[in-house]
Amino acid sequence: EAGEDESIDRTAAEILAAVRTQGDAALLDYTRRFDRVQADSVAALEI
């Protein structure tokens, strides 16, 4: 049973909503929080 974990799905939904409405700012915030990568802009995260 692939059985979605409700907490995982809820967290994913919250993240998607934030990125959809806040764009780069949300992307930077989550990258700092989850990957511990500090960057002043998303452009600085382009490799």
All heavy atoms as atom14 arrays in JSON, in Angstrom:
{
  "sequence": "EAGEDESIDRTAAEILAAVRTQGDAALLDYTRRFDRVQADSVAALEI",
  "atom14_mask": [
    [1, 1, 1, 1, 1, 1, 1, 1, 1, 0, 0, 0, 0, 0],
    [1, 1, 1, 1, 1, 0, 0, 0, 0, 0, 0, 0, 0, 0],
    [1, 1, 1, 1, 0, 0, 0, 0, 0, 0, 0, 0, 0, 0],
    [1, 1, 1, 1, 1, 1, 1, 1, 1, 0, 0, 0, 0, 0],
    [1, 1, 1, 1, 1, 1, 1, 1, 0, 0, 0, 0, 0, 0],
    [1, 1, 1, 1, 1, 1, 1, 1, 1, 0, 0, 0, 0, 0],
    [1, 1, 1, 1, 1, 1, 0, 0, 0, 0, 0, 0, 0, 0],
    [1, 1, 1, 1, 1, 1, 1, 1, 0, 0, 0, 0, 0, 0],
    [1, 1, 1, 1, 1, 1, 1, 1, 0, 0, 0, 0, 0, 0],
    [1, 1, 1, 1, 1, 1, 1, 1, 1, 1, 1, 0, 0, 0],
    [1, 1, 1, 1, 1, 1, 1, 0, 0, 0, 0, 0, 0, 0],
    [1, 1, 1, 1, 1, 0, 0, 0, 0, 0, 0, 0, 0, 0],
    [1, 1, 1, 1, 1, 0, 0, 0, 0, 0, 0, 0, 0, 0],
    [1, 1, 1, 1, 1, 1, 1, 1, 1, 0, 0, 0, 0, 0],
    [1, 1, 1, 1, 1, 1, 1, 1, 0, 0, 0, 0, 0, 0],
    [1, 1, 1, 1, 1, 1, 1, 1, 0, 0, 0, 0, 0, 0],
    [1, 1, 1, 1, 1, 0, 0, 0, 0, 0, 0, 0, 0, 0],
    [1, 1, 1, 1, 1, 0, 0, 0, 0, 0, 0, 0, 0, 0],
    [1, 1, 1, 1, 1, 1, 1, 0, 0, 0, 0, 0, 0, 0],
    [1, 1, 1, 1, 1, 1, 1, 1, 1, 1, 1, 0, 0, 0],
    [1, 1, 1, 1, 1, 1, 1, 0, 0, 0, 0, 0, 0, 0],
    [1, 1, 1, 1, 1, 1, 1, 1, 1, 0, 0, 0, 0, 0],
    [1, 1, 1, 1, 0, 0, 0, 0, 0, 0, 0, 0, 0, 0],
    [1, 1, 1, 1, 1, 1, 1, 1, 0, 0, 0, 0, 0, 0],
    [1, 1, 1, 1, 1, 0, 0, 0, 0, 0, 0, 0, 0, 0],
    [1, 1, 1, 1, 1, 0, 0, 0, 0, 0, 0, 0, 0, 0],
    [1, 1, 1, 1, 1, 1, 1, 1, 0, 0, 0, 0, 0, 0],
    [1, 1, 1, 1, 1, 1, 1, 1, 0, 0, 0, 0, 0, 0],
    [1, 1, 1, 1, 1, 1, 1, 1, 0, 0, 0, 0, 0, 0],
    [1, 1, 1, 1, 1, 1, 1, 1, 1, 1, 1, 1, 0, 0],
    [1, 1, 1, 1, 1, 1, 1, 0, 0, 0, 0, 0, 0, 0],
    [1, 1, 1, 1, 1, 1, 1, 1, 1, 1, 1, 0, 0, 0],
    [1, 1, 1, 1, 1, 1, 1, 1, 1, 1, 1, 0, 0, 0],
    [1, 1, 1, 1, 1, 1, 1, 1, 1, 1, 1, 0, 0, 0],
    [1, 1, 1, 1, 1, 1, 1, 1, 0, 0, 0, 0, 0, 0],
    [1, 1, 1, 1, 1, 1, 1, 1, 1, 1, 1, 0, 0, 0],
    [1, 1, 1, 1, 1, 1, 1, 0, 0, 0, 0, 0, 0, 0],
    [1, 1, 1, 1, 1, 1, 1, 1, 1, 0, 0, 0, 0, 0],
    [1, 1, 1, 1, 1, 0, 0, 0, 0, 0, 0, 0, 0, 0],
    [1, 1, 1, 1, 1, 1, 1, 1, 0, 0, 0, 0, 0, 0],
    [1, 1, 1, 1, 1, 1, 0, 0, 0, 0, 0, 0, 0, 0],
    [1, 1, 1, 1, 1, 1, 1, 0, 0, 0, 0, 0, 0, 0],
    [1, 1, 1, 1, 1, 0, 0, 0, 0, 0, 0, 0, 0, 0],
    [1, 1, 1, 1, 1, 0, 0, 0, 0, 0, 0, 0, 0, 0],
    [1, 1, 1, 1, 1, 1, 1, 1, 0, 0, 0, 0, 0, 0],
    [1, 1, 1, 1, 1, 1, 1, 1, 1, 0, 0, 0, 0, 0],
    [1, 1, 1, 1, 1, 1, 1, 1, 0, 0, 0, 0, 0, 0]
  ],
  "atom14_positions": [
    [[0.85, -1.18, 0.0], [0.0, 0.0, 0.0], [0.89, 1.23, 0.0], [1.66, 1.45, 0.93], [-0.91, 0.01, 1.24], [-1.96, -1.08, 1.23], [-2.96, -0.93, 0.09], [-3.18, 0.23, -0.34], [-3.47, -1.95, -0.39], [0.0, 0.0, 0.0], [0.0, 0.0, 0.0], [0.0, 0.0, 0.0], [0.0, 0.0, 0.0], [0.0, 0.0, 0.0]],
    [[0.78, 2.01, -1.06], [1.59, 3.21, -1.14], [1.2, 4.17, -0.03], [1.96, 5.05, 0.32], [1.42, 3.87, -2.5], [0.0, 0.0, 0.0], [0.0, 0.0, 0.0], [0.0, 0.0, 0.0], [0.0, 0.0, 0.0], [0.0, 0.0, 0.0], [0.0, 0.0, 0.0], [0.0, 0.0, 0.0], [0.0, 0.0, 0.0], [0.0, 0.0, 0.0]],
    [[0.0, 4.0, 0.51], [-0.54, 4.78, 1.62], [0.19, 6.05, 1.97], [1.18, 6.03, 2.65], [0.0, 0.0, 0.0], [0.0, 0.0, 0.0], [0.0, 0.0, 0.0], [0.0, 0.0, 0.0], [0.0, 0.0, 0.0], [0.0, 0.0, 0.0], [0.0, 0.0, 0.0], [0.0, 0.0, 0.0], [0.0, 0.0, 0.0], [0.0, 0.0, 0.0]],
    [[-0.31, 7.16, 1.44], [0.33, 8.44, 1.73], [0.31, 8.72, 3.23], [-0.69, 8.54, 3.9], [-0.44, 9.56, 1.02], [-0.26, 9.58, -0.48], [-1.05, 10.71, -1.09], [-0.9, 11.86, -0.61], [-1.82, 10.47, -2.03], [0.0, 0.0, 0.0], [0.0, 0.0, 0.0], [0.0, 0.0, 0.0], [0.0, 0.0, 0.0], [0.0, 0.0, 0.0]],
    [[1.42, 9.19, 3.73], [1.51, 9.65, 5.11], [0.88, 11.04, 5.14], [1.33, 11.96, 4.47], [2.98, 9.7, 5.53], [3.14, 10.08, 6.99], [2.52, 11.06, 7.42], [3.92, 9.39, 7.68], [0.0, 0.0, 0.0], [0.0, 0.0, 0.0], [0.0, 0.0, 0.0], [0.0, 0.0, 0.0], [0.0, 0.0, 0.0], [0.0, 0.0, 0.0]],
    [[-0.17, 11.19, 5.94], [-0.91, 12.45, 5.94], [-0.03, 13.62, 6.35], [-0.17, 14.73, 5.81], [-2.12, 12.35, 6.87], [-3.23, 11.48, 6.33], [-4.49, 11.54, 7.18], [-4.58, 12.43, 8.05], [-5.36, 10.69, 6.98], [0.0, 0.0, 0.0], [0.0, 0.0, 0.0], [0.0, 0.0, 0.0], [0.0, 0.0, 0.0], [0.0, 0.0, 0.0]],
    [[0.88, 13.41, 7.29], [1.74, 14.51, 7.73], [2.69, 14.93, 6.62], [2.96, 16.13, 6.43], [2.52, 14.11, 8.98], [3.44, 13.07, 8.7], [0.0, 0.0, 0.0], [0.0, 0.0, 0.0], [0.0, 0.0, 0.0], [0.0, 0.0, 0.0], [0.0, 0.0, 0.0], [0.0, 0.0, 0.0], [0.0, 0.0, 0.0], [0.0, 0.0, 0.0]],
    [[3.2, 13.96, 5.86], [4.1, 14.28, 4.74], [3.32, 15.04, 3.67], [3.79, 16.06, 3.15], [4.72, 13.0, 4.15], [5.74, 12.41, 5.14], [5.38, 13.28, 2.81], [6.33, 11.1, 4.71], [0.0, 0.0, 0.0], [0.0, 0.0, 0.0], [0.0, 0.0, 0.0], [0.0, 0.0, 0.0], [0.0, 0.0, 0.0], [0.0, 0.0, 0.0]],
    [[2.13, 14.56, 3.36], [1.33, 15.22, 2.33], [0.95, 16.64, 2.75], [0.97, 17.58, 1.95], [0.07, 14.4, 2.05], [-0.71, 14.93, 0.87], [-0.13, 15.03, -0.23], [-1.91, 15.26, 1.04], [0.0, 0.0, 0.0], [0.0, 0.0, 0.0], [0.0, 0.0, 0.0], [0.0, 0.0, 0.0], [0.0, 0.0, 0.0], [0.0, 0.0, 0.0]],
    [[0.62, 16.8, 4.03], [0.25, 18.12, 4.54], [1.43, 19.08, 4.47], [1.29, 20.24, 4.07], [-0.26, 17.98, 5.98], [-0.85, 19.25, 6.58], [-1.7, 18.95, 7.8], [-0.99, 18.13, 8.78], [-1.29, 16.85, 9.05], [-2.29, 16.25, 8.42], [-0.61, 16.17, 9.95], [0.0, 0.0, 0.0], [0.0, 0.0, 0.0], [0.0, 0.0, 0.0]],
    [[2.6, 18.58, 4.86], [3.8, 19.43, 4.8], [4.12, 19.81, 3.36], [4.44, 20.98, 3.07], [5.01, 18.69, 5.41], [4.72, 18.4, 6.78], [6.27, 19.52, 5.32], [0.0, 0.0, 0.0], [0.0, 0.0, 0.0], [0.0, 0.0, 0.0], [0.0, 0.0, 0.0], [0.0, 0.0, 0.0], [0.0, 0.0, 0.0], [0.0, 0.0, 0.0]],
    [[4.02, 18.84, 2.45], [4.29, 19.13, 1.03], [3.32, 20.19, 0.51], [3.72, 21.1, -0.22], [4.2, 17.86, 0.2], [0.0, 0.0, 0.0], [0.0, 0.0, 0.0], [0.0, 0.0, 0.0], [0.0, 0.0, 0.0], [0.0, 0.0, 0.0], [0.0, 0.0, 0.0], [0.0, 0.0, 0.0], [0.0, 0.0, 0.0], [0.0, 0.0, 0.0]],
    [[2.06, 20.07, 0.9], [1.05, 21.03, 0.45], [1.37, 22.44, 0.96], [1.24, 23.43, 0.23], [-0.33, 20.6, 0.92], [0.0, 0.0, 0.0], [0.0, 0.0, 0.0], [0.0, 0.0, 0.0], [0.0, 0.0, 0.0], [0.0, 0.0, 0.0], [0.0, 0.0, 0.0], [0.0, 0.0, 0.0], [0.0, 0.0, 0.0], [0.0, 0.0, 0.0]],
    [[1.8, 22.54, 2.21], [2.15, 23.84, 2.79], [3.35, 24.46, 2.07], [3.37, 25.66, 1.78], [2.46, 23.68, 4.28], [1.24, 23.34, 5.13], [1.6, 22.94, 6.55], [2.82, 22.89, 6.87], [0.68, 22.66, 7.35], [0.0, 0.0, 0.0], [0.0, 0.0, 0.0], [0.0, 0.0, 0.0], [0.0, 0.0, 0.0], [0.0, 0.0, 0.0]],
    [[4.34, 23.63, 1.78], [5.53, 24.12, 1.08], [5.17, 24.59, -0.32], [5.6, 25.67, -0.76], [6.62, 23.01, 1.03], [7.16, 22.73, 2.43], [7.75, 23.4, 0.08], [8.07, 21.52, 2.52], [0.0, 0.0, 0.0], [0.0, 0.0, 0.0], [0.0, 0.0, 0.0], [0.0, 0.0, 0.0], [0.0, 0.0, 0.0], [0.0, 0.0, 0.0]],
    [[4.37, 23.8, -1.03], [3.96, 24.19, -2.39], [3.19, 25.51, -2.38], [3.42, 26.37, -3.24], [3.1, 23.09, -3.01], [3.81, 21.78, -3.37], [2.8, 20.73, -3.82], [4.85, 22.01, -4.47], [0.0, 0.0, 0.0], [0.0, 0.0, 0.0], [0.0, 0.0, 0.0], [0.0, 0.0, 0.0], [0.0, 0.0, 0.0], [0.0, 0.0, 0.0]],
    [[2.3, 25.66, -1.41], [1.51, 26.89, -1.33], [2.41, 28.09, -1.08], [2.23, 29.16, -1.67], [0.46, 26.77, -0.22], [0.0, 0.0, 0.0], [0.0, 0.0, 0.0], [0.0, 0.0, 0.0], [0.0, 0.0, 0.0], [0.0, 0.0, 0.0], [0.0, 0.0, 0.0], [0.0, 0.0, 0.0], [0.0, 0.0, 0.0], [0.0, 0.0, 0.0]],
    [[3.41, 27.91, -0.21], [4.33, 29.02, 0.08], [5.15, 29.39, -1.15], [5.33, 30.58, -1.46], [5.25, 28.63, 1.23], [0.0, 0.0, 0.0], [0.0, 0.0, 0.0], [0.0, 0.0, 0.0], [0.0, 0.0, 0.0], [0.0, 0.0, 0.0], [0.0, 0.0, 0.0], [0.0, 0.0, 0.0], [0.0, 0.0, 0.0], [0.0, 0.0, 0.0]],
    [[5.64, 28.4, -1.86], [6.45, 28.68, -3.06], [5.59, 29.34, -4.12], [6.04, 30.25, -4.83], [7.11, 27.39, -3.59], [7.79, 27.63, -4.93], [8.13, 26.86, -2.58], [0.0, 0.0, 0.0], [0.0, 0.0, 0.0], [0.0, 0.0, 0.0], [0.0, 0.0, 0.0], [0.0, 0.0, 0.0], [0.0, 0.0, 0.0], [0.0, 0.0, 0.0]],
    [[4.35, 28.88, -4.23], [3.47, 29.45, -5.26], [3.19, 30.93, -4.99], [3.11, 31.73, -5.93], [2.15, 28.66, -5.29], [1.24, 29.06, -6.44], [0.06, 28.12, -6.56], [-0.62, 28.27, -7.83], [-1.58, 27.48, -8.26], [-1.99, 26.47, -7.51], [-2.16, 27.7, -9.43], [0.0, 0.0, 0.0], [0.0, 0.0, 0.0], [0.0, 0.0, 0.0]],
    [[3.03, 31.3, -3.73], [2.67, 32.68, -3.41], [3.87, 33.58, -3.14], [3.84, 34.77, -3.41], [1.73, 32.71, -2.19], [2.37, 32.05, -1.08], [0.41, 32.03, -2.5], [0.0, 0.0, 0.0], [0.0, 0.0, 0.0], [0.0, 0.0, 0.0], [0.0, 0.0, 0.0], [0.0, 0.0, 0.0], [0.0, 0.0, 0.0], [0.0, 0.0, 0.0]],
    [[4.95, 32.99, -2.6], [6.1, 33.81, -2.21], [7.33, 33.63, -3.09], [8.31, 34.34, -2.95], [6.48, 33.49, -0.75], [5.35, 33.77, 0.24], [5.63, 33.15, 1.6], [6.78, 33.07, 2.04], [4.59, 32.66, 2.27], [0.0, 0.0, 0.0], [0.0, 0.0, 0.0], [0.0, 0.0, 0.0], [0.0, 0.0, 0.0], [0.0, 0.0, 0.0]],
    [[7.29, 32.65, -3.99], [8.35, 32.49, -4.97], [9.74, 32.31, -4.38], [9.96, 31.47, -3.49], [0.0, 0.0, 0.0], [0.0, 0.0, 0.0], [0.0, 0.0, 0.0], [0.0, 0.0, 0.0], [0.0, 0.0, 0.0], [0.0, 0.0, 0.0], [0.0, 0.0, 0.0], [0.0, 0.0, 0.0], [0.0, 0.0, 0.0], [0.0, 0.0, 0.0]],
    [[10.67, 33.12, -4.85], [12.08, 33.01, -4.45], [12.27, 33.09, -2.94], [13.11, 32.38, -2.37], [12.91, 34.1, -5.11], [13.29, 33.75, -6.55], [12.97, 32.63, -7.0], [13.9, 34.61, -7.22], [0.0, 0.0, 0.0], [0.0, 0.0, 0.0], [0.0, 0.0, 0.0], [0.0, 0.0, 0.0], [0.0, 0.0, 0.0], [0.0, 0.0, 0.0]],
    [[11.49, 33.94, -2.28], [11.65, 34.12, -0.84], [11.4, 32.81, -0.1], [12.16, 32.43, 0.8], [10.71, 35.21, -0.33], [0.0, 0.0, 0.0], [0.0, 0.0, 0.0], [0.0, 0.0, 0.0], [0.0, 0.0, 0.0], [0.0, 0.0, 0.0], [0.0, 0.0, 0.0], [0.0, 0.0, 0.0], [0.0, 0.0, 0.0], [0.0, 0.0, 0.0]],
    [[10.34, 32.09, -0.49], [10.03, 30.81, 0.15], [11.09, 29.78, -0.2], [11.52, 28.99, 0.66], [8.66, 30.32, -0.29], [0.0, 0.0, 0.0], [0.0, 0.0, 0.0], [0.0, 0.0, 0.0], [0.0, 0.0, 0.0], [0.0, 0.0, 0.0], [0.0, 0.0, 0.0], [0.0, 0.0, 0.0], [0.0, 0.0, 0.0], [0.0, 0.0, 0.0]],
    [[11.55, 29.79, -1.43], [12.56, 28.83, -1.86], [13.85, 29.01, -1.06], [14.47, 28.04, -0.61], [12.82, 29.01, -3.36], [13.53, 27.88, -4.11], [12.84, 26.55, -3.91], [13.63, 28.22, -5.6], [0.0, 0.0, 0.0], [0.0, 0.0, 0.0], [0.0, 0.0, 0.0], [0.0, 0.0, 0.0], [0.0, 0.0, 0.0], [0.0, 0.0, 0.0]],
    [[14.23, 30.26, -0.86], [15.43, 30.55, -0.06], [15.25, 30.11, 1.39], [16.15, 29.52, 1.99], [15.73, 32.05, -0.1], [16.57, 32.58, -1.25], [16.69, 34.1, -1.15], [17.95, 31.94, -1.26], [0.0, 0.0, 0.0], [0.0, 0.0, 0.0], [0.0, 0.0, 0.0], [0.0, 0.0, 0.0], [0.0, 0.0, 0.0], [0.0, 0.0, 0.0]],
    [[14.07, 30.41, 1.94], [13.81, 30.07, 3.33], [13.89, 28.56, 3.56], [14.55, 28.1, 4.5], [12.43, 30.6, 3.74], [12.08, 30.22, 5.18], [12.9, 30.48, 6.08], [10.98, 29.66, 5.39], [0.0, 0.0, 0.0], [0.0, 0.0, 0.0], [0.0, 0.0, 0.0], [0.0, 0.0, 0.0], [0.0, 0.0, 0.0], [0.0, 0.0, 0.0]],
    [[13.25, 27.78, 2.7], [13.27, 26.32, 2.87], [14.66, 25.75, 2.62], [15.06, 24.77, 3.26], [12.25, 25.67, 1.93], [10.82, 25.9, 2.35], [9.91, 26.5, 1.49], [10.38, 25.52, 3.62], [8.59, 26.71, 1.86], [9.05, 25.73, 4.01], [8.17, 26.33, 3.13], [6.86, 26.54, 3.51], [0.0, 0.0, 0.0], [0.0, 0.0, 0.0]],
    [[15.41, 26.34, 1.7], [16.77, 25.86, 1.43], [17.66, 26.11, 2.64], [18.49, 25.27, 3.0], [17.34, 26.54, 0.18], [16.5, 26.24, -0.94], [18.75, 26.04, -0.13], [0.0, 0.0, 0.0], [0.0, 0.0, 0.0], [0.0, 0.0, 0.0], [0.0, 0.0, 0.0], [0.0, 0.0, 0.0], [0.0, 0.0, 0.0], [0.0, 0.0, 0.0]],
    [[17.51, 27.26, 3.29], [18.26, 27.54, 4.52], [17.86, 26.57, 5.63], [18.69, 26.03, 6.34], [17.99, 28.97, 4.98], [18.57, 30.05, 4.08], [18.28, 31.44, 4.66], [18.63, 32.49, 3.72], [17.8, 33.45, 3.31], [16.57, 33.49, 3.78], [18.21, 34.36, 2.45], [0.0, 0.0, 0.0], [0.0, 0.0, 0.0], [0.0, 0.0, 0.0]],
    [[16.55, 26.32, 5.73], [16.03, 25.52, 6.83], [16.36, 24.04, 6.68], [16.81, 23.39, 7.63], [14.51, 25.7, 6.91], [13.92, 25.27, 8.24], [12.39, 25.27, 8.24], [11.8, 26.49, 7.69], [10.49, 26.65, 7.53], [9.66, 25.67, 7.88], [10.01, 27.76, 7.03], [0.0, 0.0, 0.0], [0.0, 0.0, 0.0], [0.0, 0.0, 0.0]],
    [[16.15, 23.5, 5.48], [16.3, 22.05, 5.29], [17.7, 21.63, 4.86], [18.18, 20.56, 5.25], [15.28, 21.54, 4.26], [13.85, 21.73, 4.68], [12.88, 22.12, 3.77], [13.46, 21.52, 6.0], [11.56, 22.29, 4.14], [12.14, 21.69, 6.39], [11.18, 22.08, 5.46], [0.0, 0.0, 0.0], [0.0, 0.0, 0.0], [0.0, 0.0, 0.0]],
    [[18.35, 22.43, 4.05], [19.67, 22.04, 3.54], [20.82, 22.79, 4.21], [21.98, 22.54, 3.9], [19.74, 22.26, 2.02], [18.86, 21.29, 1.26], [18.54, 20.23, 1.83], [18.47, 21.59, 0.12], [0.0, 0.0, 0.0], [0.0, 0.0, 0.0], [0.0, 0.0, 0.0], [0.0, 0.0, 0.0], [0.0, 0.0, 0.0], [0.0, 0.0, 0.0]],
    [[20.45, 23.74, 5.08], [21.47, 24.51, 5.81], [22.42, 25.24, 4.87], [23.63, 25.3, 5.07], [22.25, 23.58, 6.77], [21.35, 22.89, 7.78], [22.04, 21.76, 8.51], [22.52, 20.71, 7.6], [21.73, 19.79, 7.05], [20.42, 19.77, 7.32], [22.25, 18.87, 6.25], [0.0, 0.0, 0.0], [0.0, 0.0, 0.0], [0.0, 0.0, 0.0]],
    [[21.82, 25.76, 3.79], [22.59, 26.53, 2.81], [22.15, 27.98, 2.87], [20.97, 28.29, 2.68], [22.37, 25.97, 1.38], [23.06, 26.87, 0.35], [22.91, 24.55, 1.28], [0.0, 0.0, 0.0], [0.0, 0.0, 0.0], [0.0, 0.0, 0.0], [0.0, 0.0, 0.0], [0.0, 0.0, 0.0], [0.0, 0.0, 0.0], [0.0, 0.0, 0.0]],
    [[23.08, 28.86, 3.16], [22.8, 30.29, 3.25], [23.09, 30.94, 1.89], [24.17, 30.76, 1.32], [23.66, 30.95, 4.32], [23.48, 30.37, 5.71], [22.06, 30.57, 6.24], [21.45, 31.62, 6.05], [21.54, 29.55, 6.92], [0.0, 0.0, 0.0], [0.0, 0.0, 0.0], [0.0, 0.0, 0.0], [0.0, 0.0, 0.0], [0.0, 0.0, 0.0]],
    [[22.12, 31.66, 1.37], [22.31, 32.36, 0.1], [21.48, 33.63, 0.13], [20.4, 33.67, 0.73], [21.9, 31.48, -1.08], [0.0, 0.0, 0.0], [0.0, 0.0, 0.0], [0.0, 0.0, 0.0], [0.0, 0.0, 0.0], [0.0, 0.0, 0.0], [0.0, 0.0, 0.0], [0.0, 0.0, 0.0], [0.0, 0.0, 0.0], [0.0, 0.0, 0.0]],
    [[21.99, 34.67, -0.51], [21.28, 35.95, -0.53], [20.18, 35.97, -1.58], [19.27, 36.8, -1.5], [22.27, 37.09, -0.81], [23.28, 37.26, 0.31], [22.92, 36.98, 1.47], [24.43, 37.64, 0.02], [0.0, 0.0, 0.0], [0.0, 0.0, 0.0], [0.0, 0.0, 0.0], [0.0, 0.0, 0.0], [0.0, 0.0, 0.0], [0.0, 0.0, 0.0]],
    [[20.28, 35.07, -2.55], [19.28, 35.03, -3.62], [19.25, 33.64, -4.23], [20.21, 32.87, -4.1], [19.62, 36.06, -4.71], [20.83, 35.68, -5.38], [0.0, 0.0, 0.0], [0.0, 0.0, 0.0], [0.0, 0.0, 0.0], [0.0, 0.0, 0.0], [0.0, 0.0, 0.0], [0.0, 0.0, 0.0], [0.0, 0.0, 0.0], [0.0, 0.0, 0.0]],
    [[18.16, 33.34, -4.92], [18.08, 32.06, -5.61], [19.07, 32.03, -6.77], [19.61, 30.98, -7.11], [16.64, 31.79, -6.1], [16.57, 30.52, -6.95], [15.69, 31.66, -4.91], [0.0, 0.0, 0.0], [0.0, 0.0, 0.0], [0.0, 0.0, 0.0], [0.0, 0.0, 0.0], [0.0, 0.0, 0.0], [0.0, 0.0, 0.0], [0.0, 0.0, 0.0]],
    [[19.32, 33.21, -7.34], [20.31, 33.27, -8.43], [21.67, 32.76, -7.96], [22.41, 32.15, -8.73], [20.43, 34.71, -8.94], [0.0, 0.0, 0.0], [0.0, 0.0, 0.0], [0.0, 0.0, 0.0], [0.0, 0.0, 0.0], [0.0, 0.0, 0.0], [0.0, 0.0, 0.0], [0.0, 0.0, 0.0], [0.0, 0.0, 0.0], [0.0, 0.0, 0.0]],
    [[21.97, 32.99, -6.67], [23.25, 32.5, -6.13], [23.27, 31.0, -5.98], [24.33, 30.39, -5.82], [23.52, 33.17, -4.78], [0.0, 0.0, 0.0], [0.0, 0.0, 0.0], [0.0, 0.0, 0.0], [0.0, 0.0, 0.0], [0.0, 0.0, 0.0], [0.0, 0.0, 0.0], [0.0, 0.0, 0.0], [0.0, 0.0, 0.0], [0.0, 0.0, 0.0]],
    [[22.07, 30.36, -6.04], [21.98, 28.91, -5.94], [22.06, 28.23, -7.3], [22.07, 27.0, -7.39], [20.68, 28.5, -5.24], [20.55, 28.94, -3.78], [19.14, 28.64, -3.27], [21.59, 28.22, -2.93], [0.0, 0.0, 0.0], [0.0, 0.0, 0.0], [0.0, 0.0, 0.0], [0.0, 0.0, 0.0], [0.0, 0.0, 0.0], [0.0, 0.0, 0.0]],
    [[22.08, 29.01, -8.37], [22.26, 28.4, -9.68], [23.72, 27.96, -9.82], [24.64, 28.71, -9.5], [21.89, 29.36, -10.81], [22.02, 28.71, -12.19], [21.3, 29.46, -13.31], [20.75, 30.55, -13.04], [21.31, 28.94, -14.44], [0.0, 0.0, 0.0], [0.0, 0.0, 0.0], [0.0, 0.0, 0.0], [0.0, 0.0, 0.0], [0.0, 0.0, 0.0]],
    [[23.91, 26.75, -10.28], [25.27, 26.18, -10.39], [25.8, 26.49, -11.79], [25.23, 26.02, -12.78], [25.25, 24.66, -10.14], [24.56, 24.34, -8.81], [26.67, 24.1, -10.16], [24.3, 22.87, -8.58], [0.0, 0.0, 0.0], [0.0, 0.0, 0.0], [0.0, 0.0, 0.0], [0.0, 0.0, 0.0], [0.0, 0.0, 0.0], [0.0, 0.0, 0.0]]
  ]
}
